[in-house]
Each structure stands twice: as C-alpha cells, then as structure tokens.
Amino acid sequence: MPDWLDELLYELPSESHPPDLIDRIQLNLENYRRRRRRFHSLLHISLLIAGSIGLGLLVWSWDRLIAMLPSMSTEGIGEWMSRAAQSPPEASMEFISALGIWGRNLAGSLDGVVILAILLLALPAIYGFFINLERPKATEGVIG
C-alpha cells in the first residue's frame, strides 16, 4: 500500500532550480528591506516636520488658547469638592454638564489655525501609539 507522501514525491517536478535563484531571492529581499527602511525614514521625517509645524502653530496662537480656558478659582473648586463629598452622583452630573457646555463653547470659538495645529500634533501621536501596539513584547516565547 503506497503512502500519500510517495504519491506527492512522484508529482514533484524533476528539474532543478536555476543556479542564480538563491542570489536573486537574496537581492530581492535586500531591495525590499532597503525600500522599507527608506519609506519608514521618510515617514518619520514627515511626521517630525508635521509635529514641529503643529507645535509652532500652537505657540503662535497661545494667547487665543489661554483665552479659551475656563476661569477657575480655589473657591469654586472647594465648593465643588464639598458638593462631591455630600452627593457624588449629583456633583459628577454637574461637572459633566459644565464640561459639555464648555466643550460646545470651545468648539464654536476654535479657529482654523488651532484646529490645524491640533491635527498636526495628533498625527505623530497616533502613529507612535499604533507602532507601540504592533511591536511584539520582549518576553513573548519565554517560559518562566
């Protein structure tokens, strides 16, 4: 009774591979790695430039950003803390509603420069976040 591996061996082609096949594969692999390194270098440089421009735009519009922040006083914070100690759910709901009102006012007062600056700063941050997600941990495959 013939084994199924014997049948597969008979079906394999009998010609040998070209003599320069290994060299061509290694050259293609080296070219691929070189293109990948070049792409990643250009990507990192462009994200560095985007982040720098975003930071520069934020510094340039710093006075507008400071004006958008809500005014806070120690008395207001102390009052909210005492309400939070008495009734945490109600204080949390008041804080969330105040945060929502501030967010709506902030969204209406943002100009294009600030939005562009935030987007330019977010690009490198998101890229760095995803790069760190896909890197394997150093302890994978280690027993103990």
C-alpha atoms as a PDB file:
ATOM      1  CA  MET A   1       0.000   0.000   0.000  1.00  0.00           C
ATOM      2  CA  PRO A   2       1.719   3.250  -1.149  1.00  0.00           C
ATOM      3  CA  ASP A   3       1.955   6.181   1.211  1.00  0.00           C
ATOM      4  CA  TRP A   4       0.397   9.529   0.207  1.00  0.00           C
ATOM      5  CA  LEU A   5       3.798  11.193   0.605  1.00  0.00           C
ATOM      6  CA  ASP A   6       5.206   8.840  -2.036  1.00  0.00           C
ATOM      7  CA  GLU A   7       2.476   9.963  -4.419  1.00  0.00           C
ATOM      8  CA  LEU A   8       3.312  13.601  -3.780  1.00  0.00           C
ATOM      9  CA  LEU A   9       7.005  12.934  -4.388  1.00  0.00           C
ATOM     10  CA  TYR A  10       6.220  11.447  -7.805  1.00  0.00           C
ATOM     11  CA  GLU A  11       4.231  14.572  -8.696  1.00  0.00           C
ATOM     12  CA  LEU A  12       7.079  16.957  -7.882  1.00  0.00           C
ATOM     13  CA  PRO A  13       8.890  18.425 -10.894  1.00  0.00           C
ATOM     14  CA  SER A  14      12.202  16.778 -11.613  1.00  0.00           C
ATOM     15  CA  GLU A  15      14.045  19.832 -12.989  1.00  0.00           C
ATOM     16  CA  SER A  16      16.364  21.660 -10.642  1.00  0.00           C
ATOM     17  CA  HIS A  17      16.195  25.330  -9.763  1.00  0.00           C
ATOM     18  CA  PRO A  18      18.231  27.887 -11.704  1.00  0.00           C
ATOM     19  CA  PRO A  19      21.761  28.309 -10.355  1.00  0.00           C
ATOM     20  CA  ASP A  20      21.264  32.009  -9.514  1.00  0.00           C
ATOM     21  CA  LEU A  21      17.873  31.562  -7.809  1.00  0.00           C
ATOM     22  CA  ILE A  22      19.215  31.969  -4.270  1.00  0.00           C
ATOM     23  CA  ASP A  23      21.179  35.094  -5.240  1.00  0.00           C
ATOM     24  CA  ARG A  24      18.095  36.622  -6.911  1.00  0.00           C
ATOM     25  CA  ILE A  25      15.950  35.898  -3.865  1.00  0.00           C
ATOM     26  CA  GLN A  26      18.523  37.450  -1.530  1.00  0.00           C
ATOM     27  CA  LEU A  27      18.837  40.502  -3.807  1.00  0.00           C
ATOM     28  CA  ASN A  28      15.049  40.943  -3.925  1.00  0.00           C
ATOM     29  CA  LEU A  29      14.847  40.610  -0.162  1.00  0.00           C
ATOM     30  CA  GLU A  30      17.639  43.153   0.315  1.00  0.00           C
ATOM     31  CA  ASN A  31      15.930  45.590  -2.092  1.00  0.00           C
ATOM     32  CA  TYR A  32      12.628  45.154  -0.246  1.00  0.00           C
ATOM     33  CA  ARG A  33      14.262  45.853   3.114  1.00  0.00           C
ATOM     34  CA  ARG A  34      16.055  48.895   1.710  1.00  0.00           C
ATOM     35  CA  ARG A  35      12.791  50.311   0.284  1.00  0.00           C
ATOM     36  CA  ARG A  36      11.025  49.649   3.573  1.00  0.00           C
ATOM     37  CA  ARG A  37      13.756  51.419   5.591  1.00  0.00           C
ATOM     38  CA  ARG A  38      13.657  54.370   3.181  1.00  0.00           C
ATOM     39  CA  PHE A  39       9.857  54.569   3.431  1.00  0.00           C
ATOM     40  CA  HIS A  40       9.934  54.481   7.224  1.00  0.00           C
ATOM     41  CA  SER A  41      12.690  57.106   7.343  1.00  0.00           C
ATOM     42  CA  LEU A  42      10.684  59.430   5.095  1.00  0.00           C
ATOM     43  CA  LEU A  43       7.552  58.769   7.133  1.00  0.00           C
ATOM     44  CA  HIS A  44       9.333  59.570  10.400  1.00  0.00           C
ATOM     45  CA  ILE A  45      10.841  62.744   8.950  1.00  0.00           C
ATOM     46  CA  SER A  46       7.483  63.911   7.602  1.00  0.00           C
ATOM     47  CA  LEU A  47       5.766  63.202  10.930  1.00  0.00           C
ATOM     48  CA  LEU A  48       8.524  65.081  12.751  1.00  0.00           C
ATOM     49  CA  ILE A  49       8.004  68.053  10.434  1.00  0.00           C
ATOM     50  CA  ALA A  50       4.204  67.864  10.885  1.00  0.00           C
ATOM     51  CA  GLY A  51       4.567  67.769  14.672  1.00  0.00           C
ATOM     52  CA  SER A  52       7.014  70.664  14.644  1.00  0.00           C
ATOM     53  CA  ILE A  53       4.696  72.766  12.488  1.00  0.00           C
ATOM     54  CA  GLY A  54       1.764  71.897  14.772  1.00  0.00           C
ATOM     55  CA  LEU A  55       3.741  72.864  17.862  1.00  0.00           C
ATOM     56  CA  GLY A  56       4.825  76.101  16.198  1.00  0.00           C
ATOM     57  CA  LEU A  57       1.218  76.939  15.318  1.00  0.00           C
ATOM     58  CA  LEU A  58       0.126  76.258  18.894  1.00  0.00           C
ATOM     59  CA  VAL A  59       2.859  78.510  20.274  1.00  0.00           C
ATOM     60  CA  TRP A  60       1.906  81.186  17.730  1.00  0.00           C
ATOM     61  CA  SER A  61      -1.766  81.079  18.814  1.00  0.00           C
ATOM     62  CA  TRP A  62      -1.034  80.654  22.528  1.00  0.00           C
ATOM     63  CA  ASP A  63      -2.901  83.797  23.588  1.00  0.00           C
ATOM     64  CA  ARG A  64      -6.093  82.559  21.887  1.00  0.00           C
ATOM     65  CA  LEU A  65      -5.764  79.178  23.569  1.00  0.00           C
ATOM     66  CA  ILE A  66      -5.364  80.709  27.016  1.00  0.00           C
ATOM     67  CA  ALA A  67      -8.467  82.840  26.439  1.00  0.00           C
ATOM     68  CA  MET A  68     -10.482  79.679  25.685  1.00  0.00           C
ATOM     69  CA  LEU A  69      -9.727  78.036  29.033  1.00  0.00           C
ATOM     70  CA  PRO A  70     -12.466  78.345  31.654  1.00  0.00           C
ATOM     71  CA  SER A  71     -11.742  80.550  34.626  1.00  0.00           C
ATOM     72  CA  MET A  72     -11.060  78.544  37.769  1.00  0.00           C
ATOM     73  CA  SER A  73     -10.777  79.717  41.327  1.00  0.00           C
ATOM     74  CA  THR A  74      -9.894  77.889  44.503  1.00  0.00           C
ATOM     75  CA  GLU A  75     -13.284  78.821  45.964  1.00  0.00           C
ATOM     76  CA  GLY A  76     -15.113  77.239  43.031  1.00  0.00           C
ATOM     77  CA  ILE A  77     -13.037  74.090  43.284  1.00  0.00           C
ATOM     78  CA  GLY A  78     -13.576  73.918  47.055  1.00  0.00           C
ATOM     79  CA  GLU A  79     -17.321  74.375  46.576  1.00  0.00           C
ATOM     80  CA  TRP A  80     -17.438  71.573  44.019  1.00  0.00           C
ATOM     81  CA  MET A  81     -15.391  69.304  46.332  1.00  0.00           C
ATOM     82  CA  SER A  82     -17.814  69.864  49.206  1.00  0.00           C
ATOM     83  CA  ARG A  83     -20.769  69.077  46.907  1.00  0.00           C
ATOM     84  CA  ALA A  84     -18.920  65.973  45.709  1.00  0.00           C
ATOM     85  CA  ALA A  85     -18.413  64.855  49.319  1.00  0.00           C
ATOM     86  CA  GLN A  86     -22.119  65.311  50.086  1.00  0.00           C
ATOM     87  CA  SER A  87     -23.551  63.817  46.877  1.00  0.00           C
ATOM     88  CA  PRO A  88     -21.030  62.381  44.408  1.00  0.00           C
ATOM     89  CA  PRO A  89     -23.528  61.463  41.635  1.00  0.00           C
ATOM     90  CA  GLU A  90     -25.070  64.947  41.525  1.00  0.00           C
ATOM     91  CA  ALA A  91     -21.669  66.649  41.599  1.00  0.00           C
ATOM     92  CA  SER A  92     -20.450  64.383  38.808  1.00  0.00           C
ATOM     93  CA  MET A  93     -23.514  65.195  36.683  1.00  0.00           C
ATOM     94  CA  GLU A  94     -22.995  68.939  37.280  1.00  0.00           C
ATOM     95  CA  PHE A  95     -19.341  68.597  36.294  1.00  0.00           C
ATOM     96  CA  ILE A  96     -20.195  66.630  33.147  1.00  0.00           C
ATOM     97  CA  SER A  97     -22.855  69.148  32.082  1.00  0.00           C
ATOM     98  CA  ALA A  98     -20.464  72.061  32.725  1.00  0.00           C
ATOM     99  CA  LEU A  99     -17.802  70.238  30.712  1.00  0.00           C
ATOM    100  CA  GLY A 100     -20.276  69.753  27.858  1.00  0.00           C
ATOM    101  CA  ILE A 101     -21.196  73.443  27.843  1.00  0.00           C
ATOM    102  CA  TRP A 102     -17.513  74.413  27.872  1.00  0.00           C
ATOM    103  CA  GLY A 103     -16.855  71.958  25.021  1.00  0.00           C
ATOM    104  CA  ARG A 104     -19.636  73.472  22.882  1.00  0.00           C
ATOM    105  CA  ASN A 105     -18.344  76.979  23.539  1.00  0.00           C
ATOM    106  CA  LEU A 106     -14.798  75.869  22.772  1.00  0.00           C
ATOM    107  CA  ALA A 107     -15.810  74.204  19.509  1.00  0.00           C
ATOM    108  CA  GLY A 108     -17.536  77.400  18.399  1.00  0.00           C
ATOM    109  CA  SER A 109     -14.546  79.594  19.178  1.00  0.00           C
ATOM    110  CA  LEU A 110     -11.756  77.472  17.650  1.00  0.00           C
ATOM    111  CA  ASP A 111     -10.243  78.913  14.515  1.00  0.00           C
ATOM    112  CA  GLY A 112      -8.621  77.075  11.645  1.00  0.00           C
ATOM    113  CA  VAL A 113      -5.059  77.589  12.843  1.00  0.00           C
ATOM    114  CA  VAL A 114      -5.700  75.912  16.199  1.00  0.00           C
ATOM    115  CA  ILE A 115      -7.576  73.016  14.584  1.00  0.00           C
ATOM    116  CA  LEU A 116      -4.752  72.523  12.078  1.00  0.00           C
ATOM    117  CA  ALA A 117      -2.184  72.631  14.890  1.00  0.00           C
ATOM    118  CA  ILE A 118      -4.079  70.018  16.887  1.00  0.00           C
ATOM    119  CA  LEU A 119      -4.366  67.761  13.833  1.00  0.00           C
ATOM    120  CA  LEU A 120      -0.675  68.133  13.013  1.00  0.00           C
ATOM    121  CA  LEU A 121       0.233  67.204  16.594  1.00  0.00           C
ATOM    122  CA  ALA A 122      -2.201  64.289  16.608  1.00  0.00           C
ATOM    123  CA  LEU A 123      -0.685  62.588  13.539  1.00  0.00           C
ATOM    124  CA  PRO A 124       2.679  61.679  15.140  1.00  0.00           C
ATOM    125  CA  ALA A 125       0.960  60.781  18.407  1.00  0.00           C
ATOM    126  CA  ILE A 126      -1.442  58.348  16.717  1.00  0.00           C
ATOM    127  CA  TYR A 127       1.352  56.856  14.612  1.00  0.00           C
ATOM    128  CA  GLY A 128       3.509  56.321  17.717  1.00  0.00           C
ATOM    129  CA  PHE A 129       0.568  54.749  19.516  1.00  0.00           C
ATOM    130  CA  PHE A 130      -0.039  52.233  16.725  1.00  0.00           C
ATOM    131  CA  ILE A 131       3.667  51.460  16.336  1.00  0.00           C
ATOM    132  CA  ASN A 132       3.843  50.586  20.029  1.00  0.00           C
ATOM    133  CA  LEU A 133       0.740  48.417  19.715  1.00  0.00           C
ATOM    134  CA  GLU A 134       2.124  46.234  16.951  1.00  0.00           C
ATOM    135  CA  ARG A 135       5.584  45.668  18.418  1.00  0.00           C
ATOM    136  CA  PRO A 136       5.912  42.234  20.000  1.00  0.00           C
ATOM    137  CA  LYS A 137       6.739  42.135  23.664  1.00  0.00           C
ATOM    138  CA  ALA A 138      10.271  41.150  24.602  1.00  0.00           C
ATOM    139  CA  THR A 139       9.014  38.378  26.874  1.00  0.00           C
ATOM    140  CA  GLU A 140       6.957  36.534  24.247  1.00  0.00           C
ATOM    141  CA  GLY A 141       8.029  32.940  23.881  1.00  0.00           C
ATOM    142  CA  VAL A 142       9.949  32.916  27.143  1.00  0.00           C
ATOM    143  CA  ILE A 143       8.893  30.307  29.645  1.00  0.00           C
ATOM    144  CA  GLY A 144       9.073  31.219  33.264  1.00  0.00           C
END
